[in-house]
C-alpha atoms as a PDB file:
ATOM      1  CA  MET A   1      -0.335  94.848 -38.407  1.00  0.00           C
ATOM      2  CA  ILE A   2       0.782  98.171 -39.259  1.00  0.00           C
ATOM      3  CA  GLY A   3      -0.056  99.017 -35.502  1.00  0.00           C
ATOM      4  CA  GLY A   4       2.305  95.959 -33.789  1.00  0.00           C
ATOM      5  CA  LYS A   5       4.908  97.584 -36.570  1.00  0.00           C
ATOM      6  CA  THR A   6       4.811 101.174 -34.832  1.00  0.00           C
ATOM      7  CA  ILE A   7       4.808  99.416 -31.490  1.00  0.00           C
ATOM      8  CA  ARG A   8       7.803  96.988 -32.002  1.00  0.00           C
ATOM      9  CA  VAL A   9       9.968  99.336 -34.317  1.00  0.00           C
ATOM     10  CA  TRP A  10       8.859 102.930 -34.430  1.00  0.00           C
ATOM     11  CA  ILE A  11       8.355 103.967 -31.054  1.00  0.00           C
ATOM     12  CA  PRO A  12      11.006 102.028 -29.327  1.00  0.00           C
ATOM     13  CA  ALA A  13      12.877 104.142 -32.239  1.00  0.00           C
ATOM     14  CA  ALA A  14      12.051 107.048 -31.438  1.00  0.00           C
ATOM     15  CA  LEU A  15      12.677 106.580 -27.569  1.00  0.00           C
ATOM     16  CA  CYS A  16      16.395 105.778 -28.682  1.00  0.00           C
ATOM     17  CA  ALA A  17      16.428 108.794 -31.044  1.00  0.00           C
ATOM     18  CA  LEU A  18      15.272 111.059 -27.842  1.00  0.00           C
ATOM     19  CA  TRP A  19      17.610 109.458 -25.461  1.00  0.00           C
ATOM     20  CA  VAL A  20      20.356 110.018 -28.139  1.00  0.00           C
ATOM     21  CA  VAL A  21      19.328 113.603 -29.057  1.00  0.00           C
ATOM     22  CA  VAL A  22      19.019 114.664 -25.291  1.00  0.00           C
ATOM     23  CA  ALA A  23      22.614 113.171 -24.116  1.00  0.00           C
ATOM     24  CA  ALA A  24      24.588 115.041 -27.543  1.00  0.00           C
ATOM     25  CA  THR A  25      22.510 117.965 -27.328  1.00  0.00           C
ATOM     26  CA  GLY A  26      22.572 118.437 -22.918  1.00  0.00           C
ATOM     27  CA  SER A  27      25.382 120.968 -22.739  1.00  0.00           C
ATOM     28  CA  TRP A  28      23.825 123.022 -25.455  1.00  0.00           C
ATOM     29  CA  LEU A  29      20.882 123.082 -23.899  1.00  0.00           C
ATOM     30  CA  PRO A  30      19.569 126.239 -21.617  1.00  0.00           C
ATOM     31  CA  LEU A  31      19.664 123.621 -18.241  1.00  0.00           C
ATOM     32  CA  ALA A  32      20.199 124.162 -14.398  1.00  0.00           C
ATOM     33  CA  PRO A  33      20.472 121.152 -12.624  1.00  0.00           C
ATOM     34  CA  ASN A  34      22.921 121.988 -10.293  1.00  0.00           C
ATOM     35  CA  GLU A  35      21.228 125.454  -9.289  1.00  0.00           C
ATOM     36  CA  ILE A  36      19.220 125.338  -6.030  1.00  0.00           C
ATOM     37  CA  HIS A  37      15.802 126.548  -5.362  1.00  0.00           C
ATOM     38  CA  LEU A  38      14.862 126.747  -2.046  1.00  0.00           C
ATOM     39  CA  ASP A  39      11.364 127.545  -1.914  1.00  0.00           C
ATOM     40  CA  ARG A  40      10.770 124.701  -4.211  1.00  0.00           C
ATOM     41  CA  ILE A  41      12.217 121.795  -2.220  1.00  0.00           C
ATOM     42  CA  LEU A  42      10.323 118.967  -2.627  1.00  0.00           C
ATOM     43  CA  LEU A  43       8.094 120.286  -5.190  1.00  0.00           C
ATOM     44  CA  PRO A  44       5.805 118.235  -7.035  1.00  0.00           C
ATOM     45  CA  PRO A  45       5.324 118.421 -11.095  1.00  0.00           C
ATOM     46  CA  SER A  46       4.080 121.857 -11.645  1.00  0.00           C
ATOM     47  CA  SER A  47       3.719 124.811 -13.887  1.00  0.00           C
ATOM     48  CA  GLN A  48       6.773 125.831 -12.393  1.00  0.00           C
ATOM     49  CA  GLY A  49       8.458 122.396 -12.766  1.00  0.00           C
ATOM     50  CA  LEU A  50       7.457 119.220 -15.290  1.00  0.00           C
ATOM     51  CA  LEU A  51       8.655 116.899 -13.414  1.00  0.00           C
ATOM     52  CA  GLY A  52       8.712 118.653 -10.000  1.00  0.00           C
ATOM     53  CA  TYR A  53      11.906 119.459  -7.818  1.00  0.00           C
ATOM     54  CA  ASP A  54      14.346 117.543  -5.266  1.00  0.00           C
ATOM     55  CA  ASP A  55      15.193 117.599  -1.891  1.00  0.00           C
ATOM     56  CA  LEU A  56      17.532 120.420  -2.337  1.00  0.00           C
ATOM     57  CA  GLY A  57      15.153 122.165  -5.092  1.00  0.00           C
ATOM     58  CA  ARG A  58      17.019 121.307  -8.324  1.00  0.00           C
ATOM     59  CA  ALA A  59      14.624 120.879 -11.361  1.00  0.00           C
ATOM     60  CA  ILE A  60      14.350 116.727 -12.534  1.00  0.00           C
ATOM     61  CA  LEU A  61      13.688 117.308 -15.362  1.00  0.00           C
ATOM     62  CA  ASP A  62      16.900 119.042 -15.698  1.00  0.00           C
ATOM     63  CA  ARG A  63      18.986 116.312 -13.816  1.00  0.00           C
ATOM     64  CA  LEU A  64      17.075 113.600 -16.209  1.00  0.00           C
ATOM     65  CA  ALA A  65      18.295 115.206 -18.938  1.00  0.00           C
ATOM     66  CA  LEU A  66      21.963 115.476 -17.289  1.00  0.00           C
ATOM     67  CA  GLY A  67      21.401 111.628 -16.132  1.00  0.00           C
ATOM     68  CA  ALA A  68      20.415 110.702 -19.778  1.00  0.00           C
ATOM     69  CA  GLN A  69      24.361 112.012 -21.035  1.00  0.00           C
ATOM     70  CA  THR A  70      25.498 110.107 -18.687  1.00  0.00           C
ATOM     71  CA  SER A  71      23.885 106.811 -19.465  1.00  0.00           C
ATOM     72  CA  PHE A  72      24.581 107.558 -22.819  1.00  0.00           C
ATOM     73  CA  LEU A  73      28.680 108.365 -22.640  1.00  0.00           C
ATOM     74  CA  VAL A  74      29.450 105.193 -20.206  1.00  0.00           C
ATOM     75  CA  ALA A  75      27.028 102.882 -22.837  1.00  0.00           C
ATOM     76  CA  ALA A  76      28.828 104.513 -25.879  1.00  0.00           C
ATOM     77  CA  TRP A  77      32.356 103.838 -24.308  1.00  0.00           C
ATOM     78  CA  VAL A  78      31.514 100.491 -22.518  1.00  0.00           C
ATOM     79  CA  VAL A  79      30.583  98.702 -25.785  1.00  0.00           C
ATOM     80  CA  THR A  80      32.637 100.325 -28.246  1.00  0.00           C
ATOM     81  CA  LEU A  81      35.767  99.154 -25.809  1.00  0.00           C
ATOM     82  CA  SER A  82      34.540  95.790 -25.480  1.00  0.00           C
ATOM     83  CA  LEU A  83      33.603  94.920 -28.736  1.00  0.00           C
ATOM     84  CA  LEU A  84      36.873  95.537 -30.064  1.00  0.00           C
ATOM     85  CA  ILE A  85      38.390  93.801 -26.950  1.00  0.00           C
ATOM     86  CA  GLY A  86      36.584  91.436 -27.088  1.00  0.00           C
ATOM     87  CA  THR A  87      36.359  90.839 -31.013  1.00  0.00           C
ATOM     88  CA  THR A  88      40.119  90.899 -31.499  1.00  0.00           C
ATOM     89  CA  ILE A  89      41.012  88.480 -28.866  1.00  0.00           C
ATOM     90  CA  GLY A  90      37.525  85.760 -29.654  1.00  0.00           C
ATOM     91  CA  ALA A  91      38.469  85.951 -33.389  1.00  0.00           C
ATOM     92  CA  VAL A  92      42.290  85.519 -32.964  1.00  0.00           C
ATOM     93  CA  SER A  93      41.530  82.801 -30.335  1.00  0.00           C
ATOM     94  CA  GLY A  94      39.377  80.957 -32.952  1.00  0.00           C
ATOM     95  CA  TYR A  95      41.616  81.150 -35.724  1.00  0.00           C
ATOM     96  CA  VAL A  96      44.882  80.191 -34.274  1.00  0.00           C
ATOM     97  CA  GLY A  97      43.676  77.686 -31.872  1.00  0.00           C
ATOM     98  CA  GLY A  98      45.923  75.527 -30.474  1.00  0.00           C
ATOM     99  CA  TRP A  99      46.945  76.618 -26.751  1.00  0.00           C
ATOM    100  CA  VAL A 100      46.163  79.989 -27.568  1.00  0.00           C
ATOM    101  CA  ASP A 101      42.671  78.959 -27.874  1.00  0.00           C
ATOM    102  CA  HIS A 102      42.901  76.764 -24.602  1.00  0.00           C
ATOM    103  CA  VAL A 103      44.332  79.330 -22.176  1.00  0.00           C
ATOM    104  CA  VAL A 104      41.698  81.958 -23.812  1.00  0.00           C
ATOM    105  CA  VAL A 105      38.960  79.833 -22.993  1.00  0.00           C
ATOM    106  CA  ARG A 106      39.778  78.742 -19.799  1.00  0.00           C
ATOM    107  CA  ILE A 107      39.801  82.684 -18.995  1.00  0.00           C
ATOM    108  CA  ILE A 108      36.477  83.285 -20.137  1.00  0.00           C
ATOM    109  CA  ASP A 109      34.892  80.275 -18.286  1.00  0.00           C
ATOM    110  CA  VAL A 110      36.531  81.398 -15.033  1.00  0.00           C
ATOM    111  CA  LEU A 111      34.947  85.280 -15.790  1.00  0.00           C
ATOM    112  CA  LEU A 112      31.478  83.682 -16.690  1.00  0.00           C
ATOM    113  CA  ALA A 113      31.445  81.798 -13.854  1.00  0.00           C
ATOM    114  CA  PHE A 114      31.349  85.563 -11.543  1.00  0.00           C
ATOM    115  CA  PRO A 115      28.078  87.237 -12.160  1.00  0.00           C
ATOM    116  CA  GLY A 116      29.482  90.508 -14.177  1.00  0.00           C
ATOM    117  CA  ILE A 117      27.680  92.977 -12.182  1.00  0.00           C
ATOM    118  CA  LEU A 118      29.474  91.743  -9.054  1.00  0.00           C
ATOM    119  CA  LEU A 119      33.132  91.804 -10.865  1.00  0.00           C
ATOM    120  CA  ALA A 120      32.328  95.170 -11.952  1.00  0.00           C
ATOM    121  CA  ILE A 121      31.314  96.307  -8.601  1.00  0.00           C
ATOM    122  CA  ALA A 122      34.124  95.044  -6.926  1.00  0.00           C
ATOM    123  CA  LEU A 123      36.374  96.834  -9.604  1.00  0.00           C
ATOM    124  CA  ALA A 124      34.822  99.753  -8.986  1.00  0.00           C
ATOM    125  CA  GLY A 125      35.227  99.233  -5.704  1.00  0.00           C
ATOM    126  CA  VAL A 126      38.716  99.221  -5.794  1.00  0.00           C
ATOM    127  CA  LEU A 127      39.448 101.885  -8.324  1.00  0.00           C
ATOM    128  CA  GLY A 128      37.458 104.434  -6.481  1.00  0.00           C
ATOM    129  CA  PRO A 129      34.456 105.819  -7.712  1.00  0.00           C
ATOM    130  CA  GLY A 130      33.738 107.909 -11.269  1.00  0.00           C
ATOM    131  CA  ILE A 131      32.392 108.468 -14.398  1.00  0.00           C
ATOM    132  CA  ASP A 132      36.107 106.811 -15.713  1.00  0.00           C
ATOM    133  CA  ASN A 133      36.442 104.260 -13.512  1.00  0.00           C
ATOM    134  CA  VAL A 134      32.960 103.123 -13.966  1.00  0.00           C
ATOM    135  CA  VAL A 135      34.341 102.630 -17.990  1.00  0.00           C
ATOM    136  CA  ILE A 136      37.112 100.758 -16.709  1.00  0.00           C
ATOM    137  CA  ALA A 137      35.236  98.124 -14.290  1.00  0.00           C
ATOM    138  CA  LEU A 138      32.111  97.352 -16.898  1.00  0.00           C
ATOM    139  CA  SER A 139      35.107  97.203 -20.078  1.00  0.00           C
ATOM    140  CA  ALA A 140      37.000  95.011 -18.055  1.00  0.00           C
ATOM    141  CA  VAL A 141      33.844  92.348 -17.729  1.00  0.00           C
ATOM    142  CA  GLY A 142      32.023  93.230 -20.656  1.00  0.00           C
ATOM    143  CA  TRP A 143      34.411  91.924 -23.568  1.00  0.00           C
ATOM    144  CA  VAL A 144      33.987  88.488 -22.354  1.00  0.00           C
ATOM    145  CA  GLY A 145      30.522  87.923 -24.043  1.00  0.00           C
ATOM    146  CA  PHE A 146      31.916  89.602 -27.160  1.00  0.00           C
ATOM    147  CA  ALA A 147      34.674  87.304 -27.422  1.00  0.00           C
ATOM    148  CA  ARG A 148      32.776  83.770 -26.765  1.00  0.00           C
ATOM    149  CA  LEU A 149      30.421  84.807 -29.507  1.00  0.00           C
ATOM    150  CA  ALA A 150      33.510  85.893 -32.181  1.00  0.00           C
ATOM    151  CA  ARG A 151      35.282  82.931 -31.249  1.00  0.00           C
ATOM    152  CA  ALA A 152      32.535  80.543 -32.212  1.00  0.00           C
ATOM    153  CA  GLN A 153      31.828  82.551 -35.256  1.00  0.00           C
ATOM    154  CA  VAL A 154      35.445  82.499 -36.034  1.00  0.00           C
ATOM    155  CA  LEU A 155      35.326  78.823 -35.844  1.00  0.00           C
ATOM    156  CA  ALA A 156      32.221  78.195 -37.744  1.00  0.00           C
ATOM    157  CA  GLN A 157      33.714  80.200 -40.578  1.00  0.00           C
ATOM    158  CA  ARG A 158      37.340  79.788 -40.751  1.00  0.00           C
ATOM    159  CA  GLN A 159      36.899  76.463 -42.987  1.00  0.00           C
ATOM    160  CA  ARG A 160      34.349  78.845 -45.660  1.00  0.00           C
ATOM    161  CA  GLU A 161      35.693  77.906 -49.038  1.00  0.00           C
ATOM    162  CA  HIS A 162      37.184  81.844 -49.750  1.00  0.00           C
ATOM    163  CA  VAL A 163      38.739  81.375 -46.940  1.00  0.00           C
ATOM    164  CA  LEU A 164      40.509  77.967 -47.715  1.00  0.00           C
ATOM    165  CA  ALA A 165      41.204  79.491 -51.260  1.00  0.00           C
ATOM    166  CA  ALA A 166      42.924  82.783 -49.396  1.00  0.00           C
ATOM    167  CA  TYR A 167      45.117  80.429 -47.268  1.00  0.00           C
ATOM    168  CA  ALA A 168      46.138  78.306 -50.683  1.00  0.00           C
ATOM    169  CA  LEU A 169      46.889  81.460 -52.478  1.00  0.00           C
ATOM    170  CA  GLY A 170      49.569  82.394 -49.565  1.00  0.00           C
ATOM    171  CA  ALA A 171      47.572  85.193 -47.846  1.00  0.00           C
ATOM    172  CA  PRO A 172      49.032  86.151 -44.380  1.00  0.00           C
ATOM    173  CA  ALA A 173      47.056  85.007 -41.247  1.00  0.00           C
ATOM    174  CA  ARG A 174      46.245  88.203 -40.333  1.00  0.00           C
ATOM    175  CA  ARG A 175      44.654  89.492 -44.141  1.00  0.00           C
ATOM    176  CA  ILE A 176      42.436  86.508 -43.611  1.00  0.00           C
ATOM    177  CA  LEU A 177      41.281  87.113 -40.234  1.00  0.00           C
ATOM    178  CA  PHE A 178      40.350  90.719 -40.367  1.00  0.00           C
ATOM    179  CA  VAL A 179      39.643  90.781 -44.123  1.00  0.00           C
ATOM    180  CA  HIS A 180      38.036  87.286 -44.491  1.00  0.00           C
ATOM    181  CA  VAL A 181      36.625  86.345 -41.677  1.00  0.00           C
ATOM    182  CA  VAL A 182      35.646  89.442 -39.536  1.00  0.00           C
ATOM    183  CA  PRO A 183      33.219  90.946 -42.166  1.00  0.00           C
ATOM    184  CA  MET A 184      31.476  87.867 -41.871  1.00  0.00           C
ATOM    185  CA  ILE A 185      30.646  87.621 -38.279  1.00  0.00           C
ATOM    186  CA  LEU A 186      29.986  91.360 -38.115  1.00  0.00           C
ATOM    187  CA  ALA A 187      25.932  91.000 -38.052  1.00  0.00           C
ATOM    188  CA  PRO A 188      25.583  88.332 -34.697  1.00  0.00           C
ATOM    189  CA  LEU A 189      28.416  91.206 -33.186  1.00  0.00           C
ATOM    190  CA  ILE A 190      25.960  94.268 -33.540  1.00  0.00           C
ATOM    191  CA  VAL A 191      23.516  92.348 -32.588  1.00  0.00           C
ATOM    192  CA  GLU A 192      25.239  91.114 -29.052  1.00  0.00           C
ATOM    193  CA  GLY A 193      26.314  95.135 -29.271  1.00  0.00           C
ATOM    194  CA  THR A 194      22.551  96.528 -29.214  1.00  0.00           C
ATOM    195  CA  PHE A 195      21.842  94.420 -26.119  1.00  0.00           C
ATOM    196  CA  ALA A 196      25.052  95.312 -24.481  1.00  0.00           C
ATOM    197  CA  VAL A 197      23.581  98.726 -24.380  1.00  0.00           C
ATOM    198  CA  ALA A 198      20.945  98.092 -22.634  1.00  0.00           C
ATOM    199  CA  GLY A 199      22.772  95.810 -19.843  1.00  0.00           C
ATOM    200  CA  VAL A 200      25.443  98.830 -19.414  1.00  0.00           C
ATOM    201  CA  VAL A 201      22.667 100.827 -19.155  1.00  0.00           C
ATOM    202  CA  ILE A 202      21.645  99.376 -15.838  1.00  0.00           C
ATOM    203  CA  ALA A 203      24.774  98.506 -14.824  1.00  0.00           C
ATOM    204  CA  GLU A 204      25.731 102.376 -14.320  1.00  0.00           C
ATOM    205  CA  ALA A 205      23.142 103.141 -13.299  1.00  0.00           C
ATOM    206  CA  GLY A 206      23.140 100.175 -10.393  1.00  0.00           C
ATOM    207  CA  LEU A 207      26.815 101.453  -9.785  1.00  0.00           C
ATOM    208  CA  SER A 208      26.101 104.661  -9.016  1.00  0.00           C
ATOM    209  CA  TYR A 209      23.061 104.094  -7.062  1.00  0.00           C
ATOM    210  CA  LEU A 210      25.764 102.304  -4.798  1.00  0.00           C
ATOM    211  CA  GLY A 211      27.763 105.592  -4.871  1.00  0.00           C
ATOM    212  CA  LEU A 212      30.805 104.177  -6.978  1.00  0.00           C
ATOM    213  CA  GLY A 213      29.350 105.891 -10.108  1.00  0.00           C
ATOM    214  CA  VAL A 214      29.579 109.626 -11.206  1.00  0.00           C
ATOM    215  CA  GLN A 215      29.664 112.287  -7.735  1.00  0.00           C
ATOM    216  CA  PRO A 216      27.694 114.849  -6.914  1.00  0.00           C
ATOM    217  CA  PRO A 217      26.988 117.311  -8.421  1.00  0.00           C
ATOM    218  CA  GLU A 218      26.893 115.922 -11.596  1.00  0.00           C
ATOM    219  CA  ALA A 219      23.518 113.921 -11.959  1.00  0.00           C
ATOM    220  CA  SER A 220      23.006 110.138 -13.183  1.00  0.00           C
ATOM    221  CA  TRP A 221      19.735 107.991 -13.113  1.00  0.00           C
ATOM    222  CA  GLY A 222      20.855 105.728 -10.499  1.00  0.00           C
ATOM    223  CA  SER A 223      21.903 108.185  -8.180  1.00  0.00           C
ATOM    224  CA  MET A 224      18.791 109.829  -8.290  1.00  0.00           C
ATOM    225  CA  ILE A 225      17.274 107.222  -7.375  1.00  0.00           C
ATOM    226  CA  ARG A 226      18.992 106.713  -4.480  1.00  0.00           C
ATOM    227  CA  ASP A 227      18.222 110.158  -3.474  1.00  0.00           C
ATOM    228  CA  GLY A 228      15.067 110.082  -3.754  1.00  0.00           C
ATOM    229  CA  ALA A 229      14.098 106.723  -2.395  1.00  0.00           C
ATOM    230  CA  ARG A 230      14.092 108.260   1.319  1.00  0.00           C
ATOM    231  CA  TYR A 231      11.391 110.843   0.323  1.00  0.00           C
ATOM    232  CA  MET A 232       9.327 107.864  -1.344  1.00  0.00           C
ATOM    233  CA  LEU A 233       6.767 108.789   0.458  1.00  0.00           C
ATOM    234  CA  VAL A 234       6.259 112.447   0.576  1.00  0.00           C
ATOM    235  CA  ALA A 235       7.939 112.809  -2.892  1.00  0.00           C
ATOM    236  CA  PRO A 236       7.432 110.368  -5.177  1.00  0.00           C
ATOM    237  CA  HIS A 237       8.097 112.123  -8.307  1.00  0.00           C
ATOM    238  CA  MET A 238      12.011 111.655  -7.430  1.00  0.00           C
ATOM    239  CA  VAL A 239      11.772 108.085  -7.919  1.00  0.00           C
ATOM    240  CA  LEU A 240       9.599 108.301 -10.956  1.00  0.00           C
ATOM    241  CA  ALA A 241      11.149 109.920 -13.126  1.00  0.00           C
ATOM    242  CA  PRO A 242      14.426 108.420 -13.356  1.00  0.00           C
ATOM    243  CA  GLY A 243      12.912 104.841 -12.752  1.00  0.00           C
ATOM    244  CA  VAL A 244      10.189 105.327 -15.722  1.00  0.00           C
ATOM    245  CA  ALA A 245      13.171 107.188 -17.592  1.00  0.00           C
ATOM    246  CA  LEU A 246      15.405 104.139 -17.103  1.00  0.00           C
ATOM    247  CA  MET A 247      12.939 101.729 -18.046  1.00  0.00           C
ATOM    248  CA  LEU A 248      11.752 102.871 -21.079  1.00  0.00           C
ATOM    249  CA  VAL A 249      15.827 103.222 -22.675  1.00  0.00           C
ATOM    250  CA  VAL A 250      16.238  99.864 -21.660  1.00  0.00           C
ATOM    251  CA  LEU A 251      12.970  98.246 -22.950  1.00  0.00           C
ATOM    252  CA  ALA A 252      13.301 100.338 -26.234  1.00  0.00           C
ATOM    253  CA  VAL A 253      17.025  99.256 -26.784  1.00  0.00           C
ATOM    254  CA  ASN A 254      16.036  95.484 -26.054  1.00  0.00           C
ATOM    255  CA  LEU A 255      13.333  96.078 -28.747  1.00  0.00           C
ATOM    256  CA  LEU A 256      15.111  97.447 -31.443  1.00  0.00           C
ATOM    257  CA  GLY A 257      17.904  94.059 -30.288  1.00  0.00           C
ATOM    258  CA  ASP A 258      15.153  91.784 -31.150  1.00  0.00           C
ATOM    259  CA  GLN A 259      14.378  93.460 -34.267  1.00  0.00           C
ATOM    260  CA  LEU A 260      18.124  93.497 -35.629  1.00  0.00           C
ATOM    261  CA  ARG A 261      18.391  90.187 -34.643  1.00  0.00           C
ATOM    262  CA  ASP A 262      15.514  89.187 -36.889  1.00  0.00           C
ATOM    263  CA  TYR A 263      16.429  91.716 -39.906  1.00  0.00           C
ATOM    264  CA  LEU A 264      19.911  89.964 -39.624  1.00  0.00           C
ATOM    265  CA  ASP A 265      18.729  86.710 -39.760  1.00  0.00           C
ATOM    266  CA  VAL A 266      18.304  85.490 -43.409  1.00  0.00           C
ATOM    267  CA  ARG A 267      16.262  82.445 -42.381  1.00  0.00           C
ATOM    268  CA  THR A 268      13.803  84.500 -39.851  1.00  0.00           C
ATOM    269  CA  ARG A 269      13.441  87.108 -42.465  1.00  0.00           C
ATOM    270  CA  GLY A 270      12.505  84.457 -45.140  1.00  0.00           C
ATOM    271  CA  GLU A 271       9.403  83.343 -42.784  1.00  0.00           C
ATOM    272  CA  MET A 272       8.482  86.584 -42.009  1.00  0.00           C
ATOM    273  CA  GLN A 273       8.400  87.623 -46.121  1.00  0.00           C
ATOM    274  CA  SER A 274       6.485  83.886 -46.799  1.00  0.00           C
ATOM    275  CA  ALA A 275       4.030  84.712 -43.869  1.00  0.00           C
ATOM    276  CA  GLY A 276       3.427  88.388 -45.491  1.00  0.00           C
ATOM    277  CA  ALA A 277       3.003  87.118 -48.976  1.00  0.00           C
END
């Protein structure tokens, strides 16, 4: 039982903590991600470099840390913007109803009819490469899921007794929505945000792989995989290092999201406590 809990919680938490710490302190670490060593081109992992060197003689470990910073910054900005925009639009739509809700639902349906990554690629292609444009492109398609969830939750909560009581007492609609309704729907939105982090990390790597993300000499796990694909047979460490890092971060975030969802679900938590008793 302890071993299973360790695998499900503590190991993913440790991986996510390492990702966040490296991203937060990367600027202060003694790293040289753009320093070129001509005598170490395509050098495999050794005592000179724990993860080897790339086709330009740059330390992959240092560039991996810089890529962690890129993925974390993009994920933090995109999820925050998407959460704020989507929650506001969905909550207002569900509470106001009428033609406003009808228009918002039609917009959400149209955007959900297209794969989000394709829309992000199209927007990034129009806006041009760069980390700022990646954030804008991913946020422009990321708010839809939060809006849909917020609308559904508000529709379920607006008939609760305390909401009707506040309405009967003459409280303003804005106060009722953001003081009495929105706090009741934060739990599913937080869980949705956790899973969105994993999706944004993959999307950012995909856009960088296509050349629409951060530009050289800045590092991204996606661009590192793209550069290493040409040397897969002679220097597989160029692909394996960023690929494994990307896989571990996404897997850890998803596992933590599962645990957070189970913890915030009252029914699931009650069944787990009953089983433990």
